[in-house]
Amino acid sequence: MSIAEAEAAVASAIRAHELATDPAIRLHDLMSEVGELAKAFVESTGYGAKSFDRTAEWDEELGDALFALLALADATGTPVEPALAHALAKIEDRMARTGSASSSGDRQPASG
């Protein structure tokens, strides 16, 4: 599924199930879902005792957080693809200028 397809699917689900709500509620929901994602991560590491191990709970919570983010974008009328393209361009610019993806200029470890 592409980003545009995911955006459309979330918007369709919101309308089909009458889930439209205020952007502030959507933001709060996103924060809650990211908290649940963090909990799944911490639990998968045995609270730091071992390396991350992807679990079904992790996958489910990541999906919930992604839905919440796309629902927030829908509630605010924000097109996701241009917003992501802008974020990627900022990272590329920072890397070229400072060698860091961080907005503060601090060197961040490469992920991947």
Foldseek 3Di string as FASTA:
>chain_A
DDLVVLLVVLVVVCVVVVVQDALVVLVVQLVVLVVQLVVLQCVQQVNVVHHHDDDPSNVVSVVSNVSSVSSSCVNVVHDDPVVVVVLVVQQVVLCVVQVDSDPVSDHDDDDD
